[in-house]
Amino acid sequence: MRIVVIGGSGHVGSFLVPRLVRAGHEVINLTRGASAPYVDDEAWSQVEQIQVDRAAEDAAGTFGQRVAALEADVVVDMICFTPESAVALVEALRGHSGHLVHCGTIWRYGVSLKQPMREDDTSPPFGDYGSQKAAIAELLAAETRSGGLVTTVLQPGHISGPGWPPIGPLGNLDPDIWYALSAGQEIAVPGLGAELMHHVHADDVAQVFQLAIERRDAASGESFNVVAPSALTVRGFLEIAASWFGQTARIRSVSWAEFRSGTTAAYADSSWQHLSRSQYASIEKARTRLGYTPAYEPEAAVLDGIRWLIDHDRLKVANRLIV
């Protein structure tokens, strides 16, 4: 197939594009050109690169037509964040493409009420990002139900892998947690540490995108959670991560007020955003309908990213990894 990937040089695209090339597809990558893919792969030499500023072209009303003119069998949209942007692309692609695959998020659901969370979960989203993504997912499903463009929404958890910092055990990107864990220092944890986070390796997400593309009939009009086979509690994450450095996690439960006083406002807000949701998503639908077979448990996905950061002198730790 002829496949256009919008934002194919990002976290998931860095794994997806080479997968598609090796499967024999013709791939066109629309990118700002601001950065190279996170993972080197000789398959990139077979990819047509088109530099484009989506935000500017969305504002000018030209982006959808630019994509439609490529006459792709499949369009993969990794970087759509507003319903308006989604509508413009859908309207342009009708009659020009057979399938639009959109990257959503498990944050289209709000706080967990029943676990594991399934694709028909009705917990209302909160926050701009989750609410916008929920609205996009709903309008894409309605488009397909009405007989329009065939669409699929794939909903990753916290994407981890080589090349970028993963969401850490306290639900934020504070790099100091890794030094503290590697040194055996005490960690202040808001609450009991029983809240859940659901990570996933970028290559496992790429696997589901490829499956949805190649099994269009099974994916048509559907949404699928894309996460690791299990989720991590805060305290479990801390204990596992400390063991990577030969340490035992030292945890002290504190109030949210005390936690906020000991970190930045941005890190505290990120922690609240992640931990207050306490999400654990089911992958049963992706397994049964698409054949999803994740290769990484959540801790393995995070470890892959941490190892890369340490090996490339991007993360300061007190002791070496022993795993």
Protein backbone atom coordinates (compact mmCIF):
# COMPACT_ATOMS: atom_id res chain seq x y z
CA MET A 1 0.00 0.00 0.00
CA ARG A 2 0.90 3.64 -0.39
CA ILE A 3 0.98 5.05 3.16
CA VAL A 4 1.38 8.63 4.31
CA VAL A 5 2.53 9.07 7.92
CA ILE A 6 1.98 12.54 9.37
CA GLY A 7 4.64 13.09 12.03
CA GLY A 8 6.49 9.87 11.27
CA SER A 9 9.78 10.97 12.86
CA GLY A 10 8.38 10.99 16.40
CA HIS A 11 8.29 8.39 19.15
CA VAL A 12 6.00 5.87 17.49
CA GLY A 13 6.81 6.78 13.89
CA SER A 14 10.48 6.06 14.47
CA PHE A 15 9.48 2.40 14.86
CA LEU A 16 6.40 2.34 12.63
CA VAL A 17 7.91 3.70 9.43
CA PRO A 18 10.70 1.05 9.23
CA ARG A 19 8.12 -1.65 10.05
CA LEU A 20 5.97 -0.55 7.12
CA VAL A 21 8.93 -0.38 4.75
CA ARG A 22 10.06 -3.88 5.69
CA ALA A 23 6.51 -5.12 5.13
CA GLY A 24 6.72 -3.92 1.54
CA HIS A 25 4.68 -0.72 1.73
CA GLU A 26 5.51 2.58 0.04
CA VAL A 27 5.89 5.17 2.80
CA ILE A 28 5.81 8.96 2.68
CA ASN A 29 6.73 10.84 5.86
CA LEU A 30 5.34 14.34 6.43
CA THR A 31 7.60 16.04 8.96
CA ARG A 32 8.66 19.46 10.14
CA GLY A 33 12.21 18.28 9.60
CA ALA A 34 13.21 19.59 13.02
CA SER A 35 14.67 16.30 14.26
CA ALA A 36 15.85 12.91 13.08
CA PRO A 37 14.00 9.69 13.96
CA TYR A 38 14.75 8.39 17.44
CA VAL A 39 16.04 5.06 16.12
CA ASP A 40 18.47 4.58 13.23
CA ASP A 41 17.28 2.14 10.60
CA GLU A 42 18.43 1.60 7.02
CA ALA A 43 14.76 1.42 6.00
CA TRP A 44 14.59 5.23 6.22
CA SER A 45 16.59 5.43 2.99
CA GLN A 46 13.51 4.10 1.19
CA VAL A 47 11.12 6.69 2.66
CA GLU A 48 10.03 9.80 0.79
CA GLN A 49 10.40 12.81 3.10
CA ILE A 50 8.17 15.87 2.70
CA GLN A 51 8.81 18.85 4.97
CA VAL A 52 5.65 20.59 6.16
CA ASP A 53 4.52 22.82 9.01
CA ARG A 54 1.15 21.37 9.92
CA ALA A 55 0.16 24.11 12.33
CA ALA A 56 0.78 26.81 9.75
CA GLU A 57 -0.99 24.91 6.98
CA ASP A 58 -3.93 24.06 9.23
CA ALA A 59 -4.25 27.76 9.97
CA ALA A 60 -4.16 28.53 6.26
CA GLY A 61 -6.64 25.77 5.46
CA THR A 62 -4.27 23.99 3.06
CA PHE A 63 -3.01 20.98 5.01
CA GLY A 64 -5.84 18.57 4.24
CA GLN A 65 -5.59 19.18 0.51
CA ARG A 66 -1.83 18.72 0.61
CA VAL A 67 -2.30 15.27 2.18
CA ALA A 68 -5.20 14.32 -0.10
CA ALA A 69 -3.14 15.18 -3.19
CA LEU A 70 -0.73 12.38 -2.28
CA GLU A 71 -3.51 9.85 -3.06
CA ALA A 72 -2.51 7.45 -0.29
CA ASP A 73 -4.28 4.19 0.45
CA VAL A 74 -3.77 4.88 4.15
CA VAL A 75 -3.05 8.06 6.11
CA VAL A 76 -1.60 7.71 9.61
CA ASP A 77 -2.03 10.84 11.72
CA MET A 78 0.31 10.95 14.70
CA ILE A 79 -0.03 14.66 15.50
CA CYS A 80 -3.68 15.74 15.45
CA PHE A 81 -4.73 17.45 18.69
CA THR A 82 -7.93 19.39 17.94
CA PRO A 83 -11.32 18.42 16.49
CA GLU A 84 -11.02 21.26 13.98
CA SER A 85 -7.78 19.83 12.61
CA ALA A 86 -9.33 16.35 12.44
CA VAL A 87 -12.43 17.57 10.59
CA ALA A 88 -10.36 19.45 8.03
CA LEU A 89 -8.31 16.33 7.28
CA VAL A 90 -11.32 14.01 7.10
CA GLU A 91 -13.18 16.27 4.70
CA ALA A 92 -10.16 16.49 2.43
CA LEU A 93 -9.49 12.74 2.45
CA ARG A 94 -13.00 11.56 1.51
CA GLY A 95 -12.67 9.98 -1.91
CA HIS A 96 -8.88 10.25 -1.88
CA SER A 97 -7.85 7.74 0.79
CA GLY A 98 -9.26 4.45 1.97
CA HIS A 99 -8.32 4.60 5.66
CA LEU A 100 -7.35 7.18 8.28
CA VAL A 101 -5.57 5.84 11.38
CA HIS A 102 -5.44 8.36 14.22
CA CYS A 103 -3.19 8.35 17.29
CA GLY A 104 -5.36 8.98 20.34
CA THR A 105 -4.68 8.37 24.04
CA ILE A 106 -6.04 6.50 27.03
CA TRP A 107 -6.53 9.98 28.51
CA ARG A 108 -9.73 10.15 26.46
CA TYR A 109 -11.06 8.49 29.64
CA GLY A 110 -11.04 10.27 32.98
CA VAL A 111 -10.44 8.83 36.44
CA SER A 112 -10.65 5.05 36.56
CA LEU A 113 -13.96 3.77 37.93
CA LYS A 114 -13.62 0.12 36.97
CA GLN A 115 -10.46 -1.71 35.96
CA PRO A 116 -9.26 -2.66 33.50
CA MET A 117 -10.69 0.22 31.50
CA ARG A 118 -12.20 -0.88 28.18
CA GLU A 119 -12.90 1.04 24.99
CA ASP A 120 -16.53 1.63 25.96
CA ASP A 121 -15.55 3.22 29.28
CA THR A 122 -17.78 6.20 30.05
CA SER A 123 -15.58 7.96 32.61
CA PRO A 124 -15.61 11.54 31.28
CA PRO A 125 -12.25 13.02 30.28
CA PHE A 126 -10.83 16.09 31.97
CA GLY A 127 -8.15 18.53 30.97
CA ASP A 128 -7.69 20.04 27.52
CA TYR A 129 -5.58 17.24 26.04
CA GLY A 130 -7.83 14.34 27.07
CA SER A 131 -11.03 16.21 26.24
CA GLN A 132 -9.84 17.20 22.77
CA LYS A 133 -8.68 13.67 22.02
CA ALA A 134 -12.02 12.24 23.21
CA ALA A 135 -13.88 14.63 20.91
CA ILE A 136 -11.68 13.61 17.96
CA ALA A 137 -12.25 9.91 18.63
CA GLU A 138 -16.02 10.41 18.77
CA LEU A 139 -16.19 12.41 15.53
CA LEU A 140 -14.02 9.88 13.68
CA ALA A 141 -16.22 6.99 14.81
CA ALA A 142 -19.31 8.93 13.70
CA GLU A 143 -17.68 9.58 10.31
CA THR A 144 -17.25 5.87 9.67
CA ARG A 145 -20.70 4.93 11.03
CA SER A 146 -22.27 7.38 8.60
CA GLY A 147 -20.66 5.65 5.63
CA GLY A 148 -17.90 8.20 5.16
CA LEU A 149 -14.16 7.75 5.49
CA VAL A 150 -12.97 4.57 7.19
CA THR A 151 -11.21 5.56 10.40
CA THR A 152 -9.46 3.85 13.31
CA VAL A 153 -8.36 5.36 16.64
CA LEU A 154 -5.43 3.81 18.52
CA GLN A 155 -5.04 4.86 22.15
CA PRO A 156 -1.56 4.47 23.67
CA GLY A 157 -0.66 4.82 27.32
CA HIS A 158 2.59 6.48 28.45
CA ILE A 159 4.87 5.86 25.48
CA SER A 160 8.41 4.82 26.46
CA GLY A 161 11.52 3.76 24.60
CA PRO A 162 15.01 4.82 23.53
CA GLY A 163 15.65 8.47 22.86
CA TRP A 164 13.47 10.36 25.34
CA PRO A 165 12.68 10.45 29.08
CA PRO A 166 9.82 8.18 30.22
CA ILE A 167 7.13 9.18 32.68
CA GLY A 168 8.74 8.33 36.01
CA PRO A 169 7.45 6.56 39.13
CA LEU A 170 5.88 9.74 40.50
CA GLY A 171 4.02 10.51 37.28
CA ASN A 172 6.28 13.26 35.97
CA LEU A 173 9.52 13.86 34.05
CA ASP A 174 11.67 15.03 36.97
CA PRO A 175 15.10 13.45 36.28
CA ASP A 176 16.10 13.71 39.94
CA ILE A 177 13.98 10.65 40.80
CA TRP A 178 16.42 8.44 38.93
CA TYR A 179 19.42 9.78 40.83
CA ALA A 180 17.57 9.32 44.12
CA LEU A 181 16.60 5.75 43.27
CA SER A 182 20.11 4.87 42.10
CA ALA A 183 21.57 6.30 45.32
CA GLY A 184 19.10 4.61 47.64
CA GLN A 185 17.73 7.94 48.85
CA GLU A 186 14.33 8.34 50.48
CA ILE A 187 11.47 9.19 48.10
CA ALA A 188 8.51 11.32 49.18
CA VAL A 189 5.39 9.76 47.66
CA PRO A 190 2.03 11.55 47.67
CA GLY A 191 -0.54 9.26 49.28
CA LEU A 192 -0.06 5.49 49.59
CA GLY A 193 1.55 4.88 46.21
CA ALA A 194 -1.28 2.59 45.09
CA GLU A 195 -2.18 4.68 42.03
CA LEU A 196 -1.61 3.12 38.61
CA MET A 197 0.22 4.21 35.48
CA HIS A 198 0.07 2.32 32.22
CA HIS A 199 3.18 2.51 30.06
CA VAL A 200 3.82 0.99 26.65
CA HIS A 201 6.89 0.63 24.46
CA ALA A 202 6.87 2.71 21.28
CA ASP A 203 7.53 -0.37 19.16
CA ASP A 204 4.49 -2.13 20.62
CA VAL A 205 2.42 0.91 19.66
CA ALA A 206 3.93 0.76 16.18
CA GLN A 207 2.95 -2.92 16.02
CA VAL A 208 -0.72 -2.05 16.53
CA PHE A 209 -0.61 0.71 13.93
CA GLN A 210 0.76 -1.78 11.41
CA LEU A 211 -1.90 -4.34 12.37
CA ALA A 212 -4.69 -1.77 12.01
CA ILE A 213 -3.38 -0.76 8.59
CA GLU A 214 -3.09 -4.31 7.32
CA ARG A 215 -6.37 -5.49 8.89
CA ARG A 216 -8.58 -2.60 7.89
CA ASP A 217 -11.86 -4.49 8.03
CA ALA A 218 -11.26 -5.48 11.66
CA ALA A 219 -10.17 -1.96 12.56
CA SER A 220 -12.83 0.01 10.65
CA GLY A 221 -14.68 2.47 12.86
CA GLU A 222 -13.08 1.08 16.02
CA SER A 223 -10.90 2.38 18.83
CA PHE A 224 -8.27 0.25 20.55
CA ASN A 225 -6.30 0.69 23.77
CA VAL A 226 -2.59 0.19 23.16
CA VAL A 227 -0.66 -0.46 26.35
CA ALA A 228 1.61 -3.04 27.98
CA PRO A 229 0.07 -6.29 29.31
CA SER A 230 0.12 -4.94 32.88
CA ALA A 231 0.23 -1.61 34.70
CA LEU A 232 2.50 -0.34 37.48
CA THR A 233 1.56 1.07 40.86
CA VAL A 234 3.65 3.96 42.10
CA ARG A 235 5.26 1.91 44.86
CA GLY A 236 5.76 -1.09 42.58
CA PHE A 237 7.40 1.12 39.96
CA LEU A 238 9.70 2.60 42.62
CA GLU A 239 10.71 -0.82 43.95
CA ILE A 240 11.38 -2.25 40.49
CA ALA A 241 13.33 0.80 39.35
CA ALA A 242 15.47 0.88 42.51
CA SER A 243 16.40 -2.76 41.93
CA TRP A 244 17.86 -1.87 38.53
CA PHE A 245 20.62 -0.09 40.46
CA GLY A 246 21.00 -2.71 43.18
CA GLN A 247 19.01 -0.61 45.65
CA THR A 248 15.87 -1.03 47.73
CA ALA A 249 13.27 1.71 47.43
CA ARG A 250 12.92 3.85 50.55
CA ILE A 251 9.43 5.34 50.45
CA ARG A 252 7.87 7.97 52.71
CA SER A 253 4.16 8.71 52.29
CA VAL A 254 3.34 12.42 52.36
CA SER A 255 0.31 14.60 51.73
CA TRP A 256 -0.17 16.20 48.35
CA ALA A 257 0.47 19.57 49.96
CA GLU A 258 3.85 18.41 51.28
CA PHE A 259 4.69 16.78 47.96
CA ARG A 260 3.92 20.00 46.08
CA SER A 261 6.11 22.00 48.45
CA GLY A 262 9.10 19.80 47.62
CA THR A 263 9.01 20.04 43.83
CA THR A 264 8.18 22.48 41.04
CA ALA A 265 4.62 23.44 40.18
CA ALA A 266 5.00 21.83 36.74
CA TYR A 267 6.21 18.49 38.12
CA ALA A 268 3.54 18.49 40.83
CA ASP A 269 0.81 19.18 38.28
CA SER A 270 2.09 16.40 36.01
CA SER A 271 2.09 13.98 38.95
CA TRP A 272 -1.50 14.92 39.79
CA GLN A 273 -2.57 14.56 36.14
CA HIS A 274 -1.16 11.05 35.94
CA LEU A 275 -1.85 9.70 39.41
CA SER A 276 -5.35 11.09 39.90
CA ARG A 277 -6.45 9.19 36.77
CA SER A 278 -4.91 5.94 38.08
CA GLN A 279 -5.54 4.16 34.80
CA TYR A 280 -5.17 0.53 33.86
CA ALA A 281 -6.43 -0.16 30.33
CA SER A 282 -7.46 -3.48 28.82
CA ILE A 283 -5.82 -4.71 25.61
CA GLU A 284 -8.28 -7.56 25.12
CA LYS A 285 -9.91 -5.90 22.11
CA ALA A 286 -6.60 -5.25 20.35
CA ARG A 287 -5.49 -8.83 21.07
CA THR A 288 -8.64 -10.53 19.78
CA ARG A 289 -9.49 -8.31 16.81
CA LEU A 290 -6.05 -7.28 15.58
CA GLY A 291 -3.72 -9.93 16.97
CA TYR A 292 -1.73 -7.55 19.18
CA THR A 293 1.07 -9.36 21.01
CA PRO A 294 3.02 -6.82 23.09
CA ALA A 295 6.68 -7.64 23.51
CA TYR A 296 7.33 -5.40 26.52
CA GLU A 297 6.04 -5.34 30.06
CA PRO A 298 5.76 -1.73 31.32
CA GLU A 299 8.96 -1.85 33.37
CA ALA A 300 10.90 -3.19 30.37
CA ALA A 301 9.62 -0.33 28.23
CA VAL A 302 10.77 2.21 30.81
CA LEU A 303 14.12 0.48 31.34
CA ASP A 304 14.81 0.63 27.60
CA GLY A 305 14.46 4.41 27.75
CA ILE A 306 16.46 4.84 30.96
CA ARG A 307 19.29 2.67 29.66
CA TRP A 308 19.49 4.79 26.49
CA LEU A 309 19.57 8.03 28.46
CA ILE A 310 22.35 6.78 30.73
CA ASP A 311 24.38 5.35 27.85
CA HIS A 312 24.14 8.68 26.01
CA ASP A 313 25.04 10.79 29.08
CA ARG A 314 21.56 12.31 29.18
CA LEU A 315 20.71 11.23 32.72
CA LYS A 316 22.74 11.60 35.93
CA VAL A 317 22.65 8.58 38.26
CA ALA A 318 24.70 7.63 41.33
CA ASN A 319 25.28 3.98 40.43
CA ARG A 320 25.35 1.89 37.29
CA LEU A 321 22.51 -0.26 36.10
CA ILE A 322 22.97 -3.91 37.09
CA VAL A 323 20.32 -5.27 34.72
